[in-house]
Amino acid sequence: MITLVTGGTGLVGSNIIKLLLEQNRNVRVLVRSIARGQKLLPKECKLVEGDIRDIDSIRKAMKGCSIVYHAAGFPEQWMKDDAIFKRINTEGTRNMVKVALEYQVKRFIYTSTIDVFEGKMNKKFDESIIDPLPKKTAYERSKQEADKIVTEFLSKGLPVIFLHPAAVYGPGPSSSEGVNGMIRKIYDSELPALLPGGMPFVLAEDVAKGHLLAEKKASVGERFILSETYYSLREFVGLVLEIEKMPLKFPFTIPYPIAKIIAIIGEAIAKLTRRAPLVQKGQLIFLQWQSIPNSNKAIKQLNWSPTPIKEGLIKTITYLKNKSSLLERNDLDEK
């Protein structure tokens, strides 16, 4: 039985591959660059060069596969061309489910996001309500549209299971700064100020475990939130400083009205300079959502057990200290 993984050189996908290989699974990985895949992935993987935007390369990679883990995507919050989110997250996913249905795969494990759910500030939310309204960022909307497409193919007979991770951190390669980048900036004293708000966190290894448990235990069509805890950014930074026992001056938090103005002006300038703004509106919007995802379903039905954030951060900091270059760009790495 062959298992195909997309997004394998990303944080979630690489951890999925690691666990699959530990189970002696036959793993095939769709990669945009064979050379980069060989550098980042275990030699036991069979690499197929291609792109989820190229349906013929998907057919080549998926032929003969029984299980598909679709973890590829584009997790940035700002790009010079917003259309890239739709091309990768939405249309790339459409290509994946189309081929998976053609080839009648036995399981299609889809890495979605908590962003597709409806949630209220300071309130817990679960998998029960998909937000019917378009979200405020191009990334979120592209994932909402992708989720609808996957749901449509579920109704056509594709055996889909949905996983919805929170903000992912932990050992592994990453295409965007994300949480790992923030940890490194704290450690390198490169974080002069914090944005207001907070977010839910989950260790990448635990996200991968949730995916494999869902393959074995979940019923077709089920959704599972994967999140360990919610922290404000001040609480998160404080925990990193506590773990490292660092005498670093604690960064101040920018008041929301000022952060919003900086983001608006910065993105206007970015359209001219074609360089990412210091504060991204999408990032600020996500931090202001402040809804708390509830993972009880995954814990109870899948026997999923997330790592406490302090333990996860110790693993992550150790990993980052030992890596000379964490951030290697790759447009198709998920979270």
C-alpha atoms as a PDB file:
ATOM      1  CA  MET A   1       0.000   0.000   0.000  1.00  0.00           C
ATOM      2  CA  ILE A   2       1.491   3.326  -1.097  1.00  0.00           C
ATOM      3  CA  THR A   3       0.797   6.555   0.790  1.00  0.00           C
ATOM      4  CA  LEU A   4       1.196   9.897  -0.976  1.00  0.00           C
ATOM      5  CA  VAL A   5       2.064  13.060   0.967  1.00  0.00           C
ATOM      6  CA  THR A   6       1.976  16.602  -0.371  1.00  0.00           C
ATOM      7  CA  GLY A   7       3.645  19.475   1.473  1.00  0.00           C
ATOM      8  CA  GLY A   8       6.259  17.031   2.698  1.00  0.00           C
ATOM      9  CA  THR A   9       9.001  19.636   2.987  1.00  0.00           C
ATOM     10  CA  GLY A  10       6.809  21.735   5.286  1.00  0.00           C
ATOM     11  CA  LEU A  11       6.369  21.608   9.033  1.00  0.00           C
ATOM     12  CA  VAL A  12       3.220  19.472   9.114  1.00  0.00           C
ATOM     13  CA  GLY A  13       4.002  17.303   6.106  1.00  0.00           C
ATOM     14  CA  SER A  14       7.542  16.449   7.225  1.00  0.00           C
ATOM     15  CA  ASN A  15       6.257  15.269  10.592  1.00  0.00           C
ATOM     16  CA  ILE A  16       3.557  13.180   8.907  1.00  0.00           C
ATOM     17  CA  ILE A  17       6.240  11.517   6.784  1.00  0.00           C
ATOM     18  CA  LYS A  18       8.389  10.821   9.840  1.00  0.00           C
ATOM     19  CA  LEU A  19       5.538   8.996  11.588  1.00  0.00           C
ATOM     20  CA  LEU A  20       4.521   7.079   8.464  1.00  0.00           C
ATOM     21  CA  LEU A  21       8.083   5.806   8.035  1.00  0.00           C
ATOM     22  CA  GLU A  22       8.192   4.783  11.696  1.00  0.00           C
ATOM     23  CA  GLN A  23       5.238   2.531  10.837  1.00  0.00           C
ATOM     24  CA  ASN A  24       7.210   1.099   7.895  1.00  0.00           C
ATOM     25  CA  ARG A  25       4.789   2.604   5.397  1.00  0.00           C
ATOM     26  CA  ASN A  26       5.625   2.918   1.708  1.00  0.00           C
ATOM     27  CA  VAL A  27       5.771   6.716   1.342  1.00  0.00           C
ATOM     28  CA  ARG A  28       5.712   8.718  -1.858  1.00  0.00           C
ATOM     29  CA  VAL A  29       6.099  12.512  -1.739  1.00  0.00           C
ATOM     30  CA  LEU A  30       5.128  15.100  -4.328  1.00  0.00           C
ATOM     31  CA  VAL A  31       7.858  17.771  -4.292  1.00  0.00           C
ATOM     32  CA  ARG A  32       8.526  20.816  -6.422  1.00  0.00           C
ATOM     33  CA  SER A  33      12.274  20.156  -6.314  1.00  0.00           C
ATOM     34  CA  ILE A  34      13.888  16.735  -6.093  1.00  0.00           C
ATOM     35  CA  ALA A  35      17.141  18.306  -4.881  1.00  0.00           C
ATOM     36  CA  ARG A  36      15.410  20.141  -2.021  1.00  0.00           C
ATOM     37  CA  GLY A  37      13.367  17.064  -1.164  1.00  0.00           C
ATOM     38  CA  GLN A  38      16.519  14.956  -0.939  1.00  0.00           C
ATOM     39  CA  LYS A  39      18.062  17.544   1.344  1.00  0.00           C
ATOM     40  CA  LEU A  40      15.112  17.744   3.756  1.00  0.00           C
ATOM     41  CA  LEU A  41      13.417  14.340   3.647  1.00  0.00           C
ATOM     42  CA  PRO A  42      14.472  10.820   4.685  1.00  0.00           C
ATOM     43  CA  LYS A  43      16.034   8.718   1.969  1.00  0.00           C
ATOM     44  CA  GLU A  44      13.312   6.084   2.462  1.00  0.00           C
ATOM     45  CA  CYS A  45      10.803   8.356   0.684  1.00  0.00           C
ATOM     46  CA  LYS A  46      10.204   8.054  -3.024  1.00  0.00           C
ATOM     47  CA  LEU A  47      10.160  11.599  -4.435  1.00  0.00           C
ATOM     48  CA  VAL A  48       8.094  12.604  -7.448  1.00  0.00           C
ATOM     49  CA  GLU A  49       8.709  16.039  -8.896  1.00  0.00           C
ATOM     50  CA  GLY A  50       5.585  18.045  -9.567  1.00  0.00           C
ATOM     51  CA  ASP A  51       3.228  20.741  -8.382  1.00  0.00           C
ATOM     52  CA  ILE A  52      -0.346  20.652  -7.085  1.00  0.00           C
ATOM     53  CA  ARG A  53      -1.118  23.325  -9.689  1.00  0.00           C
ATOM     54  CA  ASP A  54      -0.176  20.802 -12.399  1.00  0.00           C
ATOM     55  CA  ILE A  55      -2.816  18.082 -12.531  1.00  0.00           C
ATOM     56  CA  ASP A  56      -0.719  15.814 -14.766  1.00  0.00           C
ATOM     57  CA  SER A  57       2.093  15.729 -12.209  1.00  0.00           C
ATOM     58  CA  ILE A  58      -0.488  14.893  -9.527  1.00  0.00           C
ATOM     59  CA  ARG A  59      -1.698  11.967 -11.612  1.00  0.00           C
ATOM     60  CA  LYS A  60       1.869  10.742 -11.943  1.00  0.00           C
ATOM     61  CA  ALA A  61       2.463  10.996  -8.191  1.00  0.00           C
ATOM     62  CA  MET A  62      -0.875   9.549  -7.080  1.00  0.00           C
ATOM     63  CA  LYS A  63      -1.019   6.580  -9.460  1.00  0.00           C
ATOM     64  CA  GLY A  64      -1.131   3.371  -7.421  1.00  0.00           C
ATOM     65  CA  CYS A  65      -1.612   5.154  -4.073  1.00  0.00           C
ATOM     66  CA  SER A  66      -4.266   4.009  -1.625  1.00  0.00           C
ATOM     67  CA  ILE A  67      -3.912   6.799   0.968  1.00  0.00           C
ATOM     68  CA  VAL A  68      -3.330  10.521   0.368  1.00  0.00           C
ATOM     69  CA  TYR A  69      -2.244  13.105   2.932  1.00  0.00           C
ATOM     70  CA  HIS A  70      -2.787  16.531   1.392  1.00  0.00           C
ATOM     71  CA  ALA A  71      -0.796  18.903   3.619  1.00  0.00           C
ATOM     72  CA  ALA A  72       0.482  21.251   0.896  1.00  0.00           C
ATOM     73  CA  GLY A  73      -0.629  24.847   0.927  1.00  0.00           C
ATOM     74  CA  PHE A  74       0.429  28.456   1.174  1.00  0.00           C
ATOM     75  CA  PRO A  75       0.243  29.805   4.758  1.00  0.00           C
ATOM     76  CA  GLU A  76       1.461  33.384   4.352  1.00  0.00           C
ATOM     77  CA  GLN A  77      -0.649  36.374   5.402  1.00  0.00           C
ATOM     78  CA  TRP A  78       0.614  38.807   2.750  1.00  0.00           C
ATOM     79  CA  MET A  79       1.881  38.480  -0.792  1.00  0.00           C
ATOM     80  CA  LYS A  80       2.494  40.921  -3.614  1.00  0.00           C
ATOM     81  CA  ASP A  81      -0.106  39.006  -5.635  1.00  0.00           C
ATOM     82  CA  ASP A  82      -3.108  37.821  -3.608  1.00  0.00           C
ATOM     83  CA  ALA A  83      -4.112  35.495  -6.433  1.00  0.00           C
ATOM     84  CA  ILE A  84      -1.385  33.059  -5.413  1.00  0.00           C
ATOM     85  CA  PHE A  85      -3.485  31.964  -2.430  1.00  0.00           C
ATOM     86  CA  LYS A  86      -6.323  30.896  -4.695  1.00  0.00           C
ATOM     87  CA  ARG A  87      -4.005  29.220  -7.196  1.00  0.00           C
ATOM     88  CA  ILE A  88      -2.322  27.076  -4.542  1.00  0.00           C
ATOM     89  CA  ASN A  89      -4.747  26.616  -1.663  1.00  0.00           C
ATOM     90  CA  THR A  90      -7.983  26.516  -3.656  1.00  0.00           C
ATOM     91  CA  GLU A  91      -7.261  25.355  -7.201  1.00  0.00           C
ATOM     92  CA  GLY A  92      -4.362  23.149  -6.117  1.00  0.00           C
ATOM     93  CA  THR A  93      -6.677  21.368  -3.713  1.00  0.00           C
ATOM     94  CA  ARG A  94      -9.326  21.065  -6.440  1.00  0.00           C
ATOM     95  CA  ASN A  95      -6.741  19.262  -8.583  1.00  0.00           C
ATOM     96  CA  MET A  96      -5.859  16.940  -5.716  1.00  0.00           C
ATOM     97  CA  VAL A  97      -9.422  15.839  -4.933  1.00  0.00           C
ATOM     98  CA  LYS A  98     -10.259  15.477  -8.620  1.00  0.00           C
ATOM     99  CA  VAL A  99      -7.416  13.014  -9.175  1.00  0.00           C
ATOM    100  CA  ALA A 100      -8.059  11.243  -5.858  1.00  0.00           C
ATOM    101  CA  LEU A 101     -11.662  10.597  -6.915  1.00  0.00           C
ATOM    102  CA  GLU A 102     -10.506   9.401 -10.353  1.00  0.00           C
ATOM    103  CA  TYR A 103      -8.086   6.953  -8.750  1.00  0.00           C
ATOM    104  CA  GLN A 104     -10.560   5.885  -6.045  1.00  0.00           C
ATOM    105  CA  VAL A 105      -8.171   6.282  -3.136  1.00  0.00           C
ATOM    106  CA  LYS A 106      -9.234   4.632   0.128  1.00  0.00           C
ATOM    107  CA  ARG A 107      -8.579   7.668   2.364  1.00  0.00           C
ATOM    108  CA  PHE A 108      -7.956  11.332   1.606  1.00  0.00           C
ATOM    109  CA  ILE A 109      -6.627  13.080   4.718  1.00  0.00           C
ATOM    110  CA  TYR A 110      -6.962  16.821   4.224  1.00  0.00           C
ATOM    111  CA  THR A 111      -5.078  19.433   6.265  1.00  0.00           C
ATOM    112  CA  SER A 112      -7.522  22.308   6.550  1.00  0.00           C
ATOM    113  CA  THR A 113      -7.347  25.030   9.231  1.00  0.00           C
ATOM    114  CA  ILE A 114      -9.283  26.274  12.250  1.00  0.00           C
ATOM    115  CA  ASP A 115      -9.900  29.459  10.237  1.00  0.00           C
ATOM    116  CA  VAL A 116     -12.864  27.889   8.429  1.00  0.00           C
ATOM    117  CA  PHE A 117     -14.926  27.682  11.625  1.00  0.00           C
ATOM    118  CA  GLU A 118     -17.173  30.253  13.210  1.00  0.00           C
ATOM    119  CA  GLY A 119     -15.832  31.487  16.529  1.00  0.00           C
ATOM    120  CA  LYS A 120     -16.537  34.349  18.914  1.00  0.00           C
ATOM    121  CA  MET A 121     -14.011  36.370  20.893  1.00  0.00           C
ATOM    122  CA  ASN A 122     -13.085  34.772  24.228  1.00  0.00           C
ATOM    123  CA  LYS A 123     -15.440  31.852  23.538  1.00  0.00           C
ATOM    124  CA  LYS A 124     -14.645  28.233  22.759  1.00  0.00           C
ATOM    125  CA  PHE A 125     -15.649  26.798  19.401  1.00  0.00           C
ATOM    126  CA  ASP A 126     -15.709  23.281  17.998  1.00  0.00           C
ATOM    127  CA  GLU A 127     -16.164  21.565  14.644  1.00  0.00           C
ATOM    128  CA  SER A 128     -19.925  22.082  14.514  1.00  0.00           C
ATOM    129  CA  ILE A 129     -20.236  25.377  12.616  1.00  0.00           C
ATOM    130  CA  ILE A 130     -18.419  26.256   9.401  1.00  0.00           C
ATOM    131  CA  ASP A 131     -18.362  30.036   9.090  1.00  0.00           C
ATOM    132  CA  PRO A 132     -20.838  30.923   6.302  1.00  0.00           C
ATOM    133  CA  LEU A 133     -19.291  34.370   5.784  1.00  0.00           C
ATOM    134  CA  PRO A 134     -16.095  35.095   3.858  1.00  0.00           C
ATOM    135  CA  LYS A 135     -13.162  35.783   6.168  1.00  0.00           C
ATOM    136  CA  LYS A 136     -11.122  38.970   6.000  1.00  0.00           C
ATOM    137  CA  THR A 137      -7.858  37.776   4.459  1.00  0.00           C
ATOM    138  CA  ALA A 138      -6.953  36.227   1.122  1.00  0.00           C
ATOM    139  CA  TYR A 139      -5.370  33.239   2.880  1.00  0.00           C
ATOM    140  CA  GLU A 140      -8.476  32.539   4.974  1.00  0.00           C
ATOM    141  CA  ARG A 141     -10.825  32.911   2.010  1.00  0.00           C
ATOM    142  CA  SER A 142      -8.697  30.578  -0.112  1.00  0.00           C
ATOM    143  CA  LYS A 143      -8.875  27.930   2.614  1.00  0.00           C
ATOM    144  CA  GLN A 144     -12.630  28.441   2.998  1.00  0.00           C
ATOM    145  CA  GLU A 145     -13.083  27.923  -0.735  1.00  0.00           C
ATOM    146  CA  ALA A 146     -10.826  24.857  -0.668  1.00  0.00           C
ATOM    147  CA  ASP A 147     -12.839  23.403   2.201  1.00  0.00           C
ATOM    148  CA  LYS A 148     -16.033  23.814   0.173  1.00  0.00           C
ATOM    149  CA  ILE A 149     -14.449  22.054  -2.782  1.00  0.00           C
ATOM    150  CA  VAL A 150     -13.297  19.121  -0.653  1.00  0.00           C
ATOM    151  CA  THR A 151     -16.782  18.910   0.877  1.00  0.00           C
ATOM    152  CA  GLU A 152     -18.276  18.847  -2.628  1.00  0.00           C
ATOM    153  CA  PHE A 153     -16.039  15.906  -3.566  1.00  0.00           C
ATOM    154  CA  LEU A 154     -16.969  14.188  -0.305  1.00  0.00           C
ATOM    155  CA  SER A 155     -20.561  14.232  -1.544  1.00  0.00           C
ATOM    156  CA  LYS A 156     -19.342  12.659  -4.804  1.00  0.00           C
ATOM    157  CA  GLY A 157     -17.853   9.716  -2.915  1.00  0.00           C
ATOM    158  CA  LEU A 158     -14.316  10.776  -2.032  1.00  0.00           C
ATOM    159  CA  PRO A 159     -13.469   9.303   1.422  1.00  0.00           C
ATOM    160  CA  VAL A 160     -12.274  12.546   3.018  1.00  0.00           C
ATOM    161  CA  ILE A 161     -11.276  13.226   6.633  1.00  0.00           C
ATOM    162  CA  PHE A 162     -10.639  16.843   7.674  1.00  0.00           C
ATOM    163  CA  LEU A 163      -7.949  17.955  10.139  1.00  0.00           C
ATOM    164  CA  HIS A 164      -7.957  21.535  11.446  1.00  0.00           C
ATOM    165  CA  PRO A 165      -4.691  22.555  13.161  1.00  0.00           C
ATOM    166  CA  ALA A 166      -4.175  25.711  15.191  1.00  0.00           C
ATOM    167  CA  ALA A 167      -0.931  27.714  14.846  1.00  0.00           C
ATOM    168  CA  VAL A 168       1.756  25.077  14.372  1.00  0.00           C
ATOM    169  CA  TYR A 169       5.257  25.181  15.832  1.00  0.00           C
ATOM    170  CA  GLY A 170       7.988  22.647  16.475  1.00  0.00           C
ATOM    171  CA  PRO A 171      10.952  20.807  14.968  1.00  0.00           C
ATOM    172  CA  GLY A 172      10.910  20.571  11.202  1.00  0.00           C
ATOM    173  CA  PRO A 173      11.456  22.645   8.063  1.00  0.00           C
ATOM    174  CA  SER A 174       9.202  25.619   7.420  1.00  0.00           C
ATOM    175  CA  SER A 175       8.569  27.898   4.468  1.00  0.00           C
ATOM    176  CA  SER A 176       7.316  30.859   6.469  1.00  0.00           C
ATOM    177  CA  GLU A 177       8.463  32.469   9.683  1.00  0.00           C
ATOM    178  CA  GLY A 178       5.311  31.613  11.606  1.00  0.00           C
ATOM    179  CA  VAL A 179       5.620  30.631  15.247  1.00  0.00           C
ATOM    180  CA  ASN A 180       9.101  29.140  14.837  1.00  0.00           C
ATOM    181  CA  GLY A 181      10.317  32.405  13.368  1.00  0.00           C
ATOM    182  CA  MET A 182       8.868  34.320  16.303  1.00  0.00           C
ATOM    183  CA  ILE A 183      10.621  31.999  18.758  1.00  0.00           C
ATOM    184  CA  ARG A 184      13.918  32.548  17.011  1.00  0.00           C
ATOM    185  CA  LYS A 185      13.432  36.322  17.037  1.00  0.00           C
ATOM    186  CA  ILE A 186      12.758  36.227  20.784  1.00  0.00           C
ATOM    187  CA  TYR A 187      15.918  34.203  21.339  1.00  0.00           C
ATOM    188  CA  ASP A 188      17.993  36.482  19.087  1.00  0.00           C
ATOM    189  CA  SER A 189      16.580  39.650  20.723  1.00  0.00           C
ATOM    190  CA  GLU A 190      15.071  40.720  17.390  1.00  0.00           C
ATOM    191  CA  LEU A 191      11.516  41.284  18.633  1.00  0.00           C
ATOM    192  CA  PRO A 192      11.297  44.927  19.747  1.00  0.00           C
ATOM    193  CA  ALA A 193       7.499  44.976  20.057  1.00  0.00           C
ATOM    194  CA  LEU A 194       4.495  42.665  20.123  1.00  0.00           C
ATOM    195  CA  LEU A 195       1.198  42.865  18.322  1.00  0.00           C
ATOM    196  CA  PRO A 196      -1.923  42.802  20.488  1.00  0.00           C
ATOM    197  CA  GLY A 197      -3.950  39.624  20.817  1.00  0.00           C
ATOM    198  CA  GLY A 198      -3.080  35.959  20.845  1.00  0.00           C
ATOM    199  CA  MET A 199      -3.592  32.598  19.180  1.00  0.00           C
ATOM    200  CA  PRO A 200      -3.951  28.878  19.823  1.00  0.00           C
ATOM    201  CA  PHE A 201      -0.847  26.711  19.531  1.00  0.00           C
ATOM    202  CA  VAL A 202      -0.134  23.072  18.714  1.00  0.00           C
ATOM    203  CA  LEU A 203       3.102  21.093  18.281  1.00  0.00           C
ATOM    204  CA  ALA A 204       3.752  19.897  14.708  1.00  0.00           C
ATOM    205  CA  GLU A 205       4.496  16.357  15.861  1.00  0.00           C
ATOM    206  CA  ASP A 206       1.090  16.246  17.569  1.00  0.00           C
ATOM    207  CA  VAL A 207      -0.605  17.500  14.416  1.00  0.00           C
ATOM    208  CA  ALA A 208       1.018  14.642  12.511  1.00  0.00           C
ATOM    209  CA  LYS A 209      -0.119  12.142  15.155  1.00  0.00           C
ATOM    210  CA  GLY A 210      -3.645  13.500  14.830  1.00  0.00           C
ATOM    211  CA  HIS A 211      -3.561  12.931  11.078  1.00  0.00           C
ATOM    212  CA  LEU A 212      -2.423   9.304  11.379  1.00  0.00           C
ATOM    213  CA  LEU A 213      -4.935   8.579  14.140  1.00  0.00           C
ATOM    214  CA  ALA A 214      -7.691  10.025  11.975  1.00  0.00           C
ATOM    215  CA  GLU A 215      -6.716   7.777   9.073  1.00  0.00           C
ATOM    216  CA  LYS A 216      -7.148   4.717  11.287  1.00  0.00           C
ATOM    217  CA  LYS A 217     -10.031   5.717  13.555  1.00  0.00           C
ATOM    218  CA  ALA A 218     -12.146   8.439  11.958  1.00  0.00           C
ATOM    219  CA  SER A 219     -15.246   7.958   9.872  1.00  0.00           C
ATOM    220  CA  VAL A 220     -15.398   9.474   6.411  1.00  0.00           C
ATOM    221  CA  GLY A 221     -16.478  13.113   6.490  1.00  0.00           C
ATOM    222  CA  GLU A 222     -15.459  13.790  10.086  1.00  0.00           C
ATOM    223  CA  ARG A 223     -13.604  16.920  11.178  1.00  0.00           C
ATOM    224  CA  PHE A 224     -11.107  17.244  14.021  1.00  0.00           C
ATOM    225  CA  ILE A 225      -9.630  20.390  15.559  1.00  0.00           C
ATOM    226  CA  LEU A 226      -6.016  19.962  16.691  1.00  0.00           C
ATOM    227  CA  SER A 227      -5.051  22.581  19.273  1.00  0.00           C
ATOM    228  CA  GLU A 228      -3.304  22.387  22.639  1.00  0.00           C
ATOM    229  CA  THR A 229      -3.687  25.795  24.287  1.00  0.00           C
ATOM    230  CA  TYR A 230      -4.479  29.458  23.700  1.00  0.00           C
ATOM    231  CA  TYR A 231      -1.957  32.104  24.761  1.00  0.00           C
ATOM    232  CA  SER A 232      -1.735  35.836  24.323  1.00  0.00           C
ATOM    233  CA  LEU A 233       1.496  36.853  22.622  1.00  0.00           C
ATOM    234  CA  ARG A 234       2.714  38.365  25.902  1.00  0.00           C
ATOM    235  CA  GLU A 235       2.102  35.061  27.694  1.00  0.00           C
ATOM    236  CA  PHE A 236       3.843  33.153  24.911  1.00  0.00           C
ATOM    237  CA  VAL A 237       6.919  35.401  24.909  1.00  0.00           C
ATOM    238  CA  GLY A 238       7.020  35.255  28.687  1.00  0.00           C
ATOM    239  CA  LEU A 239       7.095  31.455  28.572  1.00  0.00           C
ATOM    240  CA  VAL A 240       9.970  31.424  26.073  1.00  0.00           C
ATOM    241  CA  LEU A 241      11.945  33.838  28.258  1.00  0.00           C
ATOM    242  CA  GLU A 242      11.185  31.721  31.328  1.00  0.00           C
ATOM    243  CA  ILE A 243      12.389  28.537  29.627  1.00  0.00           C
ATOM    244  CA  GLU A 244      15.604  30.192  28.463  1.00  0.00           C
ATOM    245  CA  LYS A 245      16.102  32.165  31.701  1.00  0.00           C
ATOM    246  CA  MET A 246      16.917  35.157  29.527  1.00  0.00           C
ATOM    247  CA  PRO A 247      17.470  38.631  31.012  1.00  0.00           C
ATOM    248  CA  LEU A 248      15.901  40.128  27.897  1.00  0.00           C
ATOM    249  CA  LYS A 249      13.862  43.299  28.235  1.00  0.00           C
ATOM    250  CA  PHE A 250      10.247  42.305  27.706  1.00  0.00           C
ATOM    251  CA  PRO A 251       8.915  43.716  24.392  1.00  0.00           C
ATOM    252  CA  PHE A 252       6.080  46.196  24.742  1.00  0.00           C
ATOM    253  CA  THR A 253       2.694  45.551  23.115  1.00  0.00           C
ATOM    254  CA  ILE A 254       1.616  47.971  20.408  1.00  0.00           C
ATOM    255  CA  PRO A 255      -1.914  49.271  21.113  1.00  0.00           C
ATOM    256  CA  TYR A 256      -4.404  47.897  18.601  1.00  0.00           C
ATOM    257  CA  PRO A 257      -5.392  51.258  16.998  1.00  0.00           C
ATOM    258  CA  ILE A 258      -1.739  52.050  16.345  1.00  0.00           C
ATOM    259  CA  ALA A 259      -1.003  48.528  15.065  1.00  0.00           C
ATOM    260  CA  LYS A 260      -3.951  48.810  12.665  1.00  0.00           C
ATOM    261  CA  ILE A 261      -2.708  52.140  11.300  1.00  0.00           C
ATOM    262  CA  ILE A 262       0.808  50.736  10.874  1.00  0.00           C
ATOM    263  CA  ALA A 263      -0.623  47.726   9.004  1.00  0.00           C
ATOM    264  CA  ILE A 264      -2.777  49.849   6.664  1.00  0.00           C
ATOM    265  CA  ILE A 265       0.018  52.276   5.844  1.00  0.00           C
ATOM    266  CA  GLY A 266       2.576  49.474   5.595  1.00  0.00           C
ATOM    267  CA  GLU A 267       0.537  47.468   3.097  1.00  0.00           C
ATOM    268  CA  ALA A 268      -0.109  50.582   1.007  1.00  0.00           C
ATOM    269  CA  ILE A 269       3.637  51.190   0.853  1.00  0.00           C
ATOM    270  CA  ALA A 270       4.258  47.495   0.171  1.00  0.00           C
ATOM    271  CA  LYS A 271       2.208  47.736  -3.038  1.00  0.00           C
ATOM    272  CA  LEU A 272       4.767  50.252  -4.278  1.00  0.00           C
ATOM    273  CA  THR A 273       7.932  48.701  -2.883  1.00  0.00           C
ATOM    274  CA  ARG A 274       6.822  45.079  -3.464  1.00  0.00           C
ATOM    275  CA  ARG A 275       8.333  44.211  -0.085  1.00  0.00           C
ATOM    276  CA  ALA A 276       6.429  42.662   2.820  1.00  0.00           C
ATOM    277  CA  PRO A 277       5.114  45.199   5.365  1.00  0.00           C
ATOM    278  CA  LEU A 278       6.426  45.168   8.915  1.00  0.00           C
ATOM    279  CA  VAL A 279       2.909  44.545  10.249  1.00  0.00           C
ATOM    280  CA  GLN A 280       0.592  42.491   8.055  1.00  0.00           C
ATOM    281  CA  LYS A 281      -3.154  43.075   8.257  1.00  0.00           C
ATOM    282  CA  GLY A 282      -3.842  39.355   7.977  1.00  0.00           C
ATOM    283  CA  GLN A 283      -1.588  38.621  10.917  1.00  0.00           C
ATOM    284  CA  LEU A 284      -3.267  41.321  12.997  1.00  0.00           C
ATOM    285  CA  ILE A 285      -6.741  40.044  12.067  1.00  0.00           C
ATOM    286  CA  PHE A 286      -5.841  36.502  13.142  1.00  0.00           C
ATOM    287  CA  LEU A 287      -4.445  37.718  16.471  1.00  0.00           C
ATOM    288  CA  GLN A 288      -7.606  39.731  17.105  1.00  0.00           C
ATOM    289  CA  TRP A 289      -9.953  36.805  16.448  1.00  0.00           C
ATOM    290  CA  GLN A 290      -9.197  35.526  19.970  1.00  0.00           C
ATOM    291  CA  SER A 291     -11.516  32.534  19.734  1.00  0.00           C
ATOM    292  CA  ILE A 292     -10.478  29.360  21.523  1.00  0.00           C
ATOM    293  CA  PRO A 293     -10.598  26.081  19.575  1.00  0.00           C
ATOM    294  CA  ASN A 294     -11.838  23.026  21.443  1.00  0.00           C
ATOM    295  CA  SER A 295     -10.030  19.735  20.695  1.00  0.00           C
ATOM    296  CA  ASN A 296     -12.204  17.494  22.861  1.00  0.00           C
ATOM    297  CA  LYS A 297     -13.478  15.548  19.852  1.00  0.00           C
ATOM    298  CA  ALA A 298      -9.966  14.559  18.762  1.00  0.00           C
ATOM    299  CA  ILE A 299      -8.967  13.753  22.346  1.00  0.00           C
ATOM    300  CA  LYS A 300     -11.995  11.530  22.942  1.00  0.00           C
ATOM    301  CA  GLN A 301     -12.558   9.883  19.556  1.00  0.00           C
ATOM    302  CA  LEU A 302      -8.972   9.582  18.336  1.00  0.00           C
ATOM    303  CA  ASN A 303      -7.264   9.241  21.714  1.00  0.00           C
ATOM    304  CA  TRP A 304      -5.165  12.229  20.683  1.00  0.00           C
ATOM    305  CA  SER A 305      -2.954  13.604  23.443  1.00  0.00           C
ATOM    306  CA  PRO A 306      -1.291  16.972  22.722  1.00  0.00           C
ATOM    307  CA  THR A 307       2.033  17.929  24.240  1.00  0.00           C
ATOM    308  CA  PRO A 308       1.877  20.739  26.855  1.00  0.00           C
ATOM    309  CA  ILE A 309       3.209  23.938  25.346  1.00  0.00           C
ATOM    310  CA  LYS A 310       6.146  24.291  27.738  1.00  0.00           C
ATOM    311  CA  GLU A 311       7.419  20.823  26.853  1.00  0.00           C
ATOM    312  CA  GLY A 312       6.866  21.502  23.175  1.00  0.00           C
ATOM    313  CA  LEU A 313       8.741  24.792  23.349  1.00  0.00           C
ATOM    314  CA  ILE A 314      11.732  23.141  25.007  1.00  0.00           C
ATOM    315  CA  LYS A 315      11.897  20.678  22.086  1.00  0.00           C
ATOM    316  CA  THR A 316      11.503  23.469  19.572  1.00  0.00           C
ATOM    317  CA  ILE A 317      14.099  25.793  21.081  1.00  0.00           C
ATOM    318  CA  THR A 318      16.615  22.942  21.211  1.00  0.00           C
ATOM    319  CA  TYR A 319      15.912  22.198  17.553  1.00  0.00           C
ATOM    320  CA  LEU A 320      16.237  25.828  16.484  1.00  0.00           C
ATOM    321  CA  LYS A 321      19.518  26.228  18.345  1.00  0.00           C
ATOM    322  CA  ASN A 322      20.929  23.285  16.417  1.00  0.00           C
ATOM    323  CA  LYS A 323      19.799  24.505  13.009  1.00  0.00           C
ATOM    324  CA  SER A 324      22.007  26.921  11.125  1.00  0.00           C
ATOM    325  CA  SER A 325      19.191  27.860   8.741  1.00  0.00           C
ATOM    326  CA  LEU A 326      15.599  27.265   9.738  1.00  0.00           C
ATOM    327  CA  LEU A 327      13.766  29.190   7.073  1.00  0.00           C
ATOM    328  CA  GLU A 328      14.116  27.769   3.590  1.00  0.00           C
ATOM    329  CA  ARG A 329      11.610  29.226   1.166  1.00  0.00           C
ATOM    330  CA  ASN A 330       9.125  26.903  -0.480  1.00  0.00           C
ATOM    331  CA  ASP A 331       5.763  28.144  -1.665  1.00  0.00           C
ATOM    332  CA  LEU A 332       4.026  24.821  -1.119  1.00  0.00           C
ATOM    333  CA  ASP A 333       4.809  23.981   2.498  1.00  0.00           C
ATOM    334  CA  GLU A 334       1.806  23.811   4.801  1.00  0.00           C
ATOM    335  CA  LYS A 335       1.964  25.780   8.143  1.00  0.00           C
END
